[in-house]
Amino acid sequence: METRAFGTTELEVPVIGLGTWSVFDLADDQQSVADQVVDVSFKEGVRAFDSSPMYGRAERILGRAVSSRRDEAIVATKIWTDSVATGREQFEAQMNFFGGHVEIEQMHNLVAWRDHLGWLEAEKDEGRIDLIGATHYSRGAFDELEEVMRTGRIDCIQVPYNPREQECAERILPLAADLGLGVILMRPLGQTGLVGNPPPQKDLDELGASSWAEALLKWALSDERVHLAIPATSNPEHAKTNARAGSPPFLTEEQRRRVAQLAGV
C-alpha cells in the first residue's frame, strides 16, 4: 500500500485507514466483530484507525481491538463537546482506551474549538498527543474551518470527499496544501446511495477496478492533496477490498471524470 507524508508533519501514513462510525458501536459480546476487521486491516497494511466519542462505544471497542498491536497503530480520535470539563473527561477515557497516547486528536465538527485548542496544545506538549486536527462534514462550516486552519495551531483536517461531495476541492484542499496540513477524508465512499449502486462490471474493468468501492477510493486518493481515506466497515472482506485501493496505479484525470459520471455527477 502506498504511504504519504502527512502534510509537513513527521508522520508517514498508508493512504487507506479504517473508520468506525456506526460500525464499531458494538456490545461487549460483539468484540470479535471488531477484532476480525482490525486483524484483516493490519494484514492488508492498514494502520490508521479513526473514532470519536460521538460514535457510542466505538472508542472502547477499537481500543481493545488494537491493543495487542498498539505500537503499530495510528489512532485518530476526537473531542466532541461544548464543555472543556467534559472534553477533558473524554480525553482521559481515550488515554485508557489507547494506552496513554493518541497520535491524532481532532476537534470534532469544530464544536467549541476555541475553548479546546489551548488545553489540547498543552497535552501535545506533554507528549500525550502527537498532532491536533479539526473536522467538519458540512460546506456551510468551511468558513470557520478555514479560520482554524489559518491559526497555524493545527496539523490536519478531516472533510468529506467523494464524487458527489466535491466542495472541499474548491477551497479547503488548496488551502491545506498551501499550509502543509494533513488531509483525512471522511465519507470517501459517499452515502449508501452511492456505494450501494455500482455500475456494470465492464465499466469497472475499464477503470482497472475490481469493485465500485475500489474505484471510489481510488478516485479520492488520486488527488495528491489527500493523505488518508477512512472508509468505515465491520466486514472483513470489505476491509480487504478497501485496502487494495491504496496501491497504485491511481486514476488519471480522465478516469476520475468517468468515475464521477458513473456516480451520476
C-alpha atoms as a PDB file:
ATOM      1  CA  MET A   1       0.000   0.000   0.000  1.00  0.00           C
ATOM      2  CA  GLU A   2       1.244   3.473  -0.816  1.00  0.00           C
ATOM      3  CA  THR A   3       2.256   5.730   2.063  1.00  0.00           C
ATOM      4  CA  ARG A   4       2.270   9.521   2.019  1.00  0.00           C
ATOM      5  CA  ALA A   5       3.903  12.149   4.188  1.00  0.00           C
ATOM      6  CA  PHE A   6       1.129  13.627   6.321  1.00  0.00           C
ATOM      7  CA  GLY A   7       1.386  17.251   5.267  1.00  0.00           C
ATOM      8  CA  THR A   8       4.551  18.754   6.711  1.00  0.00           C
ATOM      9  CA  THR A   9       4.419  16.612   9.871  1.00  0.00           C
ATOM     10  CA  GLU A  10       6.858  13.785  10.550  1.00  0.00           C
ATOM     11  CA  LEU A  11       4.068  11.210  10.252  1.00  0.00           C
ATOM     12  CA  GLU A  12       4.019   8.819   7.286  1.00  0.00           C
ATOM     13  CA  VAL A  13       0.620   7.210   6.696  1.00  0.00           C
ATOM     14  CA  PRO A  14      -0.691   4.408   4.485  1.00  0.00           C
ATOM     15  CA  VAL A  15      -3.364   6.038   2.335  1.00  0.00           C
ATOM     16  CA  ILE A  16      -6.193   3.731   3.475  1.00  0.00           C
ATOM     17  CA  GLY A  17      -7.347   3.684   7.096  1.00  0.00           C
ATOM     18  CA  LEU A  18     -10.415   2.345   8.869  1.00  0.00           C
ATOM     19  CA  GLY A  19     -13.340   4.434  10.085  1.00  0.00           C
ATOM     20  CA  THR A  20     -15.527   3.267  12.957  1.00  0.00           C
ATOM     21  CA  TRP A  21     -18.628   5.476  12.704  1.00  0.00           C
ATOM     22  CA  SER A  22     -21.747   3.341  13.394  1.00  0.00           C
ATOM     23  CA  VAL A  23     -19.981   0.034  12.587  1.00  0.00           C
ATOM     24  CA  PHE A  24     -17.995  -0.236  15.876  1.00  0.00           C
ATOM     25  CA  ASP A  25     -20.778   0.876  18.215  1.00  0.00           C
ATOM     26  CA  LEU A  26     -20.955  -2.710  19.446  1.00  0.00           C
ATOM     27  CA  ALA A  27     -21.889  -4.505  22.634  1.00  0.00           C
ATOM     28  CA  ASP A  28     -19.075  -6.154  24.564  1.00  0.00           C
ATOM     29  CA  ASP A  29     -20.159  -9.605  23.397  1.00  0.00           C
ATOM     30  CA  GLN A  30     -19.655  -8.424  19.790  1.00  0.00           C
ATOM     31  CA  GLN A  31     -15.994  -7.515  20.316  1.00  0.00           C
ATOM     32  CA  SER A  32     -14.901 -10.293  17.944  1.00  0.00           C
ATOM     33  CA  VAL A  33     -16.541  -8.433  15.047  1.00  0.00           C
ATOM     34  CA  ALA A  34     -14.169  -5.510  15.502  1.00  0.00           C
ATOM     35  CA  ASP A  35     -11.226  -7.787  16.280  1.00  0.00           C
ATOM     36  CA  GLN A  36     -11.627  -9.584  12.956  1.00  0.00           C
ATOM     37  CA  VAL A  37     -11.872  -6.468  10.812  1.00  0.00           C
ATOM     38  CA  VAL A  38      -8.931  -4.841  12.592  1.00  0.00           C
ATOM     39  CA  ASP A  39      -6.842  -8.005  12.192  1.00  0.00           C
ATOM     40  CA  VAL A  40      -7.577  -8.135   8.461  1.00  0.00           C
ATOM     41  CA  SER A  41      -6.823  -4.419   8.189  1.00  0.00           C
ATOM     42  CA  PHE A  42      -3.388  -4.828   9.760  1.00  0.00           C
ATOM     43  CA  LYS A  43      -2.621  -7.764   7.472  1.00  0.00           C
ATOM     44  CA  GLU A  44      -3.507  -5.605   4.456  1.00  0.00           C
ATOM     45  CA  GLY A  45      -1.237  -2.746   5.541  1.00  0.00           C
ATOM     46  CA  VAL A  46      -3.876  -0.533   7.175  1.00  0.00           C
ATOM     47  CA  ARG A  47      -2.522   1.168  10.300  1.00  0.00           C
ATOM     48  CA  ALA A  48      -4.715   4.252  10.837  1.00  0.00           C
ATOM     49  CA  PHE A  49      -7.986   3.951  12.758  1.00  0.00           C
ATOM     50  CA  ASP A  50     -10.426   6.815  13.284  1.00  0.00           C
ATOM     51  CA  SER A  51     -13.044   7.120  16.022  1.00  0.00           C
ATOM     52  CA  SER A  52     -14.898   9.620  18.246  1.00  0.00           C
ATOM     53  CA  PRO A  53     -16.923   9.876  21.449  1.00  0.00           C
ATOM     54  CA  MET A  54     -19.813  10.653  19.094  1.00  0.00           C
ATOM     55  CA  TYR A  55     -19.691   7.044  17.882  1.00  0.00           C
ATOM     56  CA  GLY A  56     -21.106   5.444  21.013  1.00  0.00           C
ATOM     57  CA  ARG A  57     -18.957   2.525  22.217  1.00  0.00           C
ATOM     58  CA  ALA A  58     -16.633   2.609  19.201  1.00  0.00           C
ATOM     59  CA  GLU A  59     -13.583   4.039  21.000  1.00  0.00           C
ATOM     60  CA  ARG A  60     -13.638   1.352  23.695  1.00  0.00           C
ATOM     61  CA  ILE A  61     -14.197  -1.418  21.154  1.00  0.00           C
ATOM     62  CA  LEU A  62     -11.432  -0.082  18.887  1.00  0.00           C
ATOM     63  CA  GLY A  63      -9.034   0.262  21.805  1.00  0.00           C
ATOM     64  CA  ARG A  64      -9.434  -3.406  22.653  1.00  0.00           C
ATOM     65  CA  ALA A  65      -9.079  -4.441  19.013  1.00  0.00           C
ATOM     66  CA  VAL A  66      -5.760  -2.630  18.502  1.00  0.00           C
ATOM     67  CA  SER A  67      -4.306  -3.222  21.980  1.00  0.00           C
ATOM     68  CA  SER A  68      -2.045  -6.117  21.016  1.00  0.00           C
ATOM     69  CA  ARG A  69      -0.508  -4.075  18.171  1.00  0.00           C
ATOM     70  CA  ARG A  70      -0.880  -0.609  19.635  1.00  0.00           C
ATOM     71  CA  ASP A  71       2.688   0.371  18.793  1.00  0.00           C
ATOM     72  CA  GLU A  72       1.928  -0.182  15.082  1.00  0.00           C
ATOM     73  CA  ALA A  73      -1.385   1.695  15.050  1.00  0.00           C
ATOM     74  CA  ILE A  74      -2.085   5.326  14.266  1.00  0.00           C
ATOM     75  CA  VAL A  75      -5.137   6.264  16.322  1.00  0.00           C
ATOM     76  CA  ALA A  76      -7.112   9.334  15.300  1.00  0.00           C
ATOM     77  CA  THR A  77      -9.961  10.234  17.600  1.00  0.00           C
ATOM     78  CA  LYS A  78     -11.846  13.350  18.627  1.00  0.00           C
ATOM     79  CA  ILE A  79     -13.136  15.662  21.313  1.00  0.00           C
ATOM     80  CA  TRP A  80     -16.859  16.277  20.861  1.00  0.00           C
ATOM     81  CA  THR A  81     -18.484  18.534  23.426  1.00  0.00           C
ATOM     82  CA  ASP A  82     -19.051  22.220  24.120  1.00  0.00           C
ATOM     83  CA  SER A  83     -17.699  21.773  27.668  1.00  0.00           C
ATOM     84  CA  VAL A  84     -13.989  21.841  28.477  1.00  0.00           C
ATOM     85  CA  ALA A  85     -14.602  19.732  31.576  1.00  0.00           C
ATOM     86  CA  THR A  86     -16.405  17.076  29.546  1.00  0.00           C
ATOM     87  CA  GLY A  87     -13.742  17.302  26.841  1.00  0.00           C
ATOM     88  CA  ARG A  88     -11.074  16.530  29.415  1.00  0.00           C
ATOM     89  CA  GLU A  89     -13.151  13.576  30.623  1.00  0.00           C
ATOM     90  CA  GLN A  90     -13.393  12.299  27.041  1.00  0.00           C
ATOM     91  CA  PHE A  91      -9.638  12.680  26.678  1.00  0.00           C
ATOM     92  CA  GLU A  92      -8.842  10.775  29.879  1.00  0.00           C
ATOM     93  CA  ALA A  93     -11.146   7.977  28.732  1.00  0.00           C
ATOM     94  CA  GLN A  94      -9.222   7.870  25.449  1.00  0.00           C
ATOM     95  CA  MET A  95      -5.955   7.619  27.340  1.00  0.00           C
ATOM     96  CA  ASN A  96      -7.351   4.499  28.993  1.00  0.00           C
ATOM     97  CA  PHE A  97      -8.647   3.077  25.727  1.00  0.00           C
ATOM     98  CA  PHE A  98      -5.469   3.704  23.730  1.00  0.00           C
ATOM     99  CA  GLY A  99      -2.568   3.104  26.096  1.00  0.00           C
ATOM    100  CA  GLY A 100      -1.977   6.651  27.298  1.00  0.00           C
ATOM    101  CA  HIS A 101      -1.354   8.192  23.890  1.00  0.00           C
ATOM    102  CA  VAL A 102      -3.255   9.337  20.789  1.00  0.00           C
ATOM    103  CA  GLU A 103      -1.492  10.080  17.526  1.00  0.00           C
ATOM    104  CA  ILE A 104      -4.154  12.465  16.171  1.00  0.00           C
ATOM    105  CA  GLU A 105      -6.673  14.318  18.360  1.00  0.00           C
ATOM    106  CA  GLN A 106      -9.329  16.208  16.413  1.00  0.00           C
ATOM    107  CA  MET A 107     -11.894  18.835  17.392  1.00  0.00           C
ATOM    108  CA  HIS A 108     -14.998  17.123  16.057  1.00  0.00           C
ATOM    109  CA  ASN A 109     -17.266  19.265  13.870  1.00  0.00           C
ATOM    110  CA  LEU A 110     -15.496  22.351  15.258  1.00  0.00           C
ATOM    111  CA  VAL A 111     -17.583  22.158  18.449  1.00  0.00           C
ATOM    112  CA  ALA A 112     -16.163  24.766  20.889  1.00  0.00           C
ATOM    113  CA  TRP A 113     -12.793  24.566  19.152  1.00  0.00           C
ATOM    114  CA  ARG A 114     -11.595  27.889  20.580  1.00  0.00           C
ATOM    115  CA  ASP A 115     -12.174  26.521  24.084  1.00  0.00           C
ATOM    116  CA  HIS A 116     -10.487  23.174  23.447  1.00  0.00           C
ATOM    117  CA  LEU A 117      -7.464  24.190  21.415  1.00  0.00           C
ATOM    118  CA  GLY A 118      -5.392  25.569  24.281  1.00  0.00           C
ATOM    119  CA  TRP A 119      -5.640  22.563  26.570  1.00  0.00           C
ATOM    120  CA  LEU A 120      -5.091  20.182  23.630  1.00  0.00           C
ATOM    121  CA  GLU A 121      -1.885  22.057  22.846  1.00  0.00           C
ATOM    122  CA  ALA A 122      -0.803  21.566  26.459  1.00  0.00           C
ATOM    123  CA  GLU A 123      -1.450  17.821  26.149  1.00  0.00           C
ATOM    124  CA  LYS A 124       0.549  17.804  22.918  1.00  0.00           C
ATOM    125  CA  ASP A 125       3.438  19.488  24.750  1.00  0.00           C
ATOM    126  CA  GLU A 126       3.175  16.759  27.403  1.00  0.00           C
ATOM    127  CA  GLY A 127       3.516  14.090  24.682  1.00  0.00           C
ATOM    128  CA  ARG A 128       0.080  12.512  25.070  1.00  0.00           C
ATOM    129  CA  ILE A 129      -0.989  13.815  21.633  1.00  0.00           C
ATOM    130  CA  ASP A 130       1.183  13.930  18.517  1.00  0.00           C
ATOM    131  CA  LEU A 131      -0.999  16.005  16.186  1.00  0.00           C
ATOM    132  CA  ILE A 132      -4.077  18.213  16.540  1.00  0.00           C
ATOM    133  CA  GLY A 133      -6.782  18.376  13.891  1.00  0.00           C
ATOM    134  CA  ALA A 134     -10.221  19.781  13.135  1.00  0.00           C
ATOM    135  CA  THR A 135     -13.139  18.181  11.329  1.00  0.00           C
ATOM    136  CA  HIS A 136     -16.401  19.143   9.729  1.00  0.00           C
ATOM    137  CA  TYR A 137     -18.851  17.423   7.405  1.00  0.00           C
ATOM    138  CA  SER A 138     -20.671  20.478   6.021  1.00  0.00           C
ATOM    139  CA  ARG A 139     -19.761  23.014   3.365  1.00  0.00           C
ATOM    140  CA  GLY A 140     -21.650  25.550   5.465  1.00  0.00           C
ATOM    141  CA  ALA A 141     -18.890  25.331   8.092  1.00  0.00           C
ATOM    142  CA  PHE A 142     -15.972  25.771   5.700  1.00  0.00           C
ATOM    143  CA  ASP A 143     -15.537  29.478   6.546  1.00  0.00           C
ATOM    144  CA  GLU A 144     -14.965  28.537  10.172  1.00  0.00           C
ATOM    145  CA  LEU A 145     -12.787  25.580   9.191  1.00  0.00           C
ATOM    146  CA  GLU A 146     -10.610  27.943   7.175  1.00  0.00           C
ATOM    147  CA  GLU A 147     -10.337  30.159  10.247  1.00  0.00           C
ATOM    148  CA  VAL A 148      -8.944  27.390  12.411  1.00  0.00           C
ATOM    149  CA  MET A 149      -6.679  26.201   9.600  1.00  0.00           C
ATOM    150  CA  ARG A 150      -5.132  29.665   9.339  1.00  0.00           C
ATOM    151  CA  THR A 151      -4.323  29.840  13.062  1.00  0.00           C
ATOM    152  CA  GLY A 152      -1.166  27.805  12.492  1.00  0.00           C
ATOM    153  CA  ARG A 153      -2.098  25.769  15.572  1.00  0.00           C
ATOM    154  CA  ILE A 154      -3.409  22.585  13.966  1.00  0.00           C
ATOM    155  CA  ASP A 155      -1.698  19.887  11.939  1.00  0.00           C
ATOM    156  CA  CYS A 156      -4.528  18.330   9.937  1.00  0.00           C
ATOM    157  CA  ILE A 157      -8.163  18.461   8.872  1.00  0.00           C
ATOM    158  CA  GLN A 158     -10.863  15.923   8.109  1.00  0.00           C
ATOM    159  CA  VAL A 159     -13.552  16.602   5.491  1.00  0.00           C
ATOM    160  CA  PRO A 160     -15.895  14.616   3.206  1.00  0.00           C
ATOM    161  CA  TYR A 161     -14.729  13.984  -0.351  1.00  0.00           C
ATOM    162  CA  ASN A 162     -16.249  11.721  -2.976  1.00  0.00           C
ATOM    163  CA  PRO A 163     -17.652  12.256  -6.484  1.00  0.00           C
ATOM    164  CA  ARG A 164     -20.922  13.618  -5.072  1.00  0.00           C
ATOM    165  CA  GLU A 165     -19.281  15.739  -2.365  1.00  0.00           C
ATOM    166  CA  GLN A 166     -16.501  17.711  -4.006  1.00  0.00           C
ATOM    167  CA  GLU A 167     -16.983  21.058  -2.277  1.00  0.00           C
ATOM    168  CA  CYS A 168     -13.742  20.804  -0.300  1.00  0.00           C
ATOM    169  CA  ALA A 169     -11.741  20.735  -3.549  1.00  0.00           C
ATOM    170  CA  GLU A 170     -12.660  24.349  -4.269  1.00  0.00           C
ATOM    171  CA  ARG A 171     -11.220  25.979  -1.126  1.00  0.00           C
ATOM    172  CA  ILE A 172     -10.210  23.594   1.620  1.00  0.00           C
ATOM    173  CA  LEU A 173      -7.819  21.258  -0.188  1.00  0.00           C
ATOM    174  CA  PRO A 174      -5.872  24.088  -1.857  1.00  0.00           C
ATOM    175  CA  LEU A 175      -5.549  25.886   1.488  1.00  0.00           C
ATOM    176  CA  ALA A 176      -4.471  22.696   3.268  1.00  0.00           C
ATOM    177  CA  ALA A 177      -1.778  22.164   0.638  1.00  0.00           C
ATOM    178  CA  ASP A 178      -0.582  25.762   0.982  1.00  0.00           C
ATOM    179  CA  LEU A 179      -0.416  25.448   4.775  1.00  0.00           C
ATOM    180  CA  GLY A 180       1.154  21.980   4.772  1.00  0.00           C
ATOM    181  CA  LEU A 181      -1.736  20.344   6.646  1.00  0.00           C
ATOM    182  CA  GLY A 182      -2.528  16.645   6.583  1.00  0.00           C
ATOM    183  CA  VAL A 183      -5.868  15.765   4.977  1.00  0.00           C
ATOM    184  CA  ILE A 184      -8.084  12.899   6.168  1.00  0.00           C
ATOM    185  CA  LEU A 185     -11.177  12.025   4.154  1.00  0.00           C
ATOM    186  CA  MET A 186     -14.445  11.038   5.757  1.00  0.00           C
ATOM    187  CA  ARG A 187     -17.172   9.512   3.576  1.00  0.00           C
ATOM    188  CA  PRO A 188     -14.821   8.544   0.701  1.00  0.00           C
ATOM    189  CA  LEU A 189     -17.473   6.014  -0.333  1.00  0.00           C
ATOM    190  CA  GLY A 190     -20.241   8.569  -0.022  1.00  0.00           C
ATOM    191  CA  GLN A 191     -23.560   7.657   1.480  1.00  0.00           C
ATOM    192  CA  THR A 192     -25.307   4.316   0.977  1.00  0.00           C
ATOM    193  CA  GLY A 193     -26.957   5.550  -2.198  1.00  0.00           C
ATOM    194  CA  LEU A 194     -23.561   5.926  -3.847  1.00  0.00           C
ATOM    195  CA  VAL A 195     -21.595   2.822  -2.932  1.00  0.00           C
ATOM    196  CA  GLY A 196     -24.750   0.694  -2.912  1.00  0.00           C
ATOM    197  CA  ASN A 197     -25.474   1.303  -6.605  1.00  0.00           C
ATOM    198  CA  PRO A 198     -22.431   0.053  -8.539  1.00  0.00           C
ATOM    199  CA  PRO A 199     -22.151   0.442 -12.297  1.00  0.00           C
ATOM    200  CA  PRO A 200     -21.803  -2.605 -14.579  1.00  0.00           C
ATOM    201  CA  GLN A 201     -18.601  -4.600 -14.163  1.00  0.00           C
ATOM    202  CA  LYS A 202     -17.490  -3.746 -17.708  1.00  0.00           C
ATOM    203  CA  ASP A 203     -17.244  -0.088 -16.665  1.00  0.00           C
ATOM    204  CA  LEU A 204     -15.181  -1.035 -13.629  1.00  0.00           C
ATOM    205  CA  ASP A 205     -12.928  -3.208 -15.784  1.00  0.00           C
ATOM    206  CA  GLU A 206     -12.184  -0.206 -17.984  1.00  0.00           C
ATOM    207  CA  LEU A 207     -11.066   1.656 -14.866  1.00  0.00           C
ATOM    208  CA  GLY A 208      -8.900  -1.248 -13.686  1.00  0.00           C
ATOM    209  CA  ALA A 209     -11.032  -1.603 -10.546  1.00  0.00           C
ATOM    210  CA  SER A 210     -12.289  -4.868  -9.123  1.00  0.00           C
ATOM    211  CA  SER A 211     -15.199  -3.179  -7.344  1.00  0.00           C
ATOM    212  CA  TRP A 212     -17.117   0.084  -7.203  1.00  0.00           C
ATOM    213  CA  ALA A 213     -15.706   0.746  -3.725  1.00  0.00           C
ATOM    214  CA  GLU A 214     -12.183   0.422  -5.091  1.00  0.00           C
ATOM    215  CA  ALA A 215     -12.990   2.835  -7.927  1.00  0.00           C
ATOM    216  CA  LEU A 216     -14.442   5.398  -5.499  1.00  0.00           C
ATOM    217  CA  LEU A 217     -11.479   5.163  -3.134  1.00  0.00           C
ATOM    218  CA  LYS A 218      -9.014   5.480  -5.992  1.00  0.00           C
ATOM    219  CA  TRP A 219     -10.972   8.499  -7.235  1.00  0.00           C
ATOM    220  CA  ALA A 220     -10.308  10.233  -3.902  1.00  0.00           C
ATOM    221  CA  LEU A 221      -6.719   9.074  -3.462  1.00  0.00           C
ATOM    222  CA  SER A 222      -5.783  10.144  -6.978  1.00  0.00           C
ATOM    223  CA  ASP A 223      -5.901  13.688  -5.635  1.00  0.00           C
ATOM    224  CA  GLU A 224      -2.392  14.069  -4.231  1.00  0.00           C
ATOM    225  CA  ARG A 225      -3.544  16.726  -1.751  1.00  0.00           C
ATOM    226  CA  VAL A 226      -5.209  13.857   0.117  1.00  0.00           C
ATOM    227  CA  HIS A 227      -3.201  11.772   2.577  1.00  0.00           C
ATOM    228  CA  LEU A 228      -5.615   9.314   4.177  1.00  0.00           C
ATOM    229  CA  ALA A 229      -9.091   7.958   3.418  1.00  0.00           C
ATOM    230  CA  ILE A 230     -11.001   6.213   6.207  1.00  0.00           C
ATOM    231  CA  PRO A 231     -13.855   4.076   4.849  1.00  0.00           C
ATOM    232  CA  ALA A 232     -15.868   2.508   7.664  1.00  0.00           C
ATOM    233  CA  THR A 233     -16.753  -1.177   7.689  1.00  0.00           C
ATOM    234  CA  SER A 234     -17.326  -4.057  10.082  1.00  0.00           C
ATOM    235  CA  ASN A 235     -16.989  -6.598   7.257  1.00  0.00           C
ATOM    236  CA  PRO A 236     -13.520  -8.199   6.974  1.00  0.00           C
ATOM    237  CA  GLU A 237     -13.933  -8.837   3.234  1.00  0.00           C
ATOM    238  CA  HIS A 238     -14.871  -5.216   2.635  1.00  0.00           C
ATOM    239  CA  ALA A 239     -11.844  -4.151   4.677  1.00  0.00           C
ATOM    240  CA  LYS A 240      -9.640  -6.266   2.434  1.00  0.00           C
ATOM    241  CA  THR A 241     -11.203  -4.837  -0.733  1.00  0.00           C
ATOM    242  CA  ASN A 242     -10.879  -1.284   0.542  1.00  0.00           C
ATOM    243  CA  ALA A 243      -7.209  -1.801   1.347  1.00  0.00           C
ATOM    244  CA  ARG A 244      -6.494  -2.827  -2.251  1.00  0.00           C
ATOM    245  CA  ALA A 245      -7.461   0.663  -3.376  1.00  0.00           C
ATOM    246  CA  GLY A 246      -4.399   2.017  -1.586  1.00  0.00           C
ATOM    247  CA  SER A 247      -1.980   0.527  -4.099  1.00  0.00           C
ATOM    248  CA  PRO A 248      -1.021   2.202  -7.386  1.00  0.00           C
ATOM    249  CA  PRO A 249      -1.827   2.789 -10.134  1.00  0.00           C
ATOM    250  CA  PHE A 250      -4.250   5.538  -9.265  1.00  0.00           C
ATOM    251  CA  LEU A 251      -6.603   7.182 -11.723  1.00  0.00           C
ATOM    252  CA  THR A 252      -5.881   9.674 -14.456  1.00  0.00           C
ATOM    253  CA  GLU A 253      -7.959  12.844 -14.639  1.00  0.00           C
ATOM    254  CA  GLU A 254      -9.928  11.310 -17.485  1.00  0.00           C
ATOM    255  CA  GLN A 255     -10.645   8.230 -15.377  1.00  0.00           C
ATOM    256  CA  ARG A 256     -11.680  10.404 -12.444  1.00  0.00           C
ATOM    257  CA  ARG A 257     -14.158  12.188 -14.683  1.00  0.00           C
ATOM    258  CA  ARG A 258     -15.502   8.812 -15.748  1.00  0.00           C
ATOM    259  CA  VAL A 259     -15.989   7.721 -12.119  1.00  0.00           C
ATOM    260  CA  ALA A 260     -17.861  10.932 -11.411  1.00  0.00           C
ATOM    261  CA  GLN A 261     -20.020  10.340 -14.475  1.00  0.00           C
ATOM    262  CA  LEU A 262     -20.805   6.797 -13.305  1.00  0.00           C
ATOM    263  CA  ALA A 263     -21.711   8.269  -9.911  1.00  0.00           C
ATOM    264  CA  GLY A 264     -24.284  10.464 -11.631  1.00  0.00           C
ATOM    265  CA  VAL A 265     -22.375  13.722 -11.306  1.00  0.00           C
END
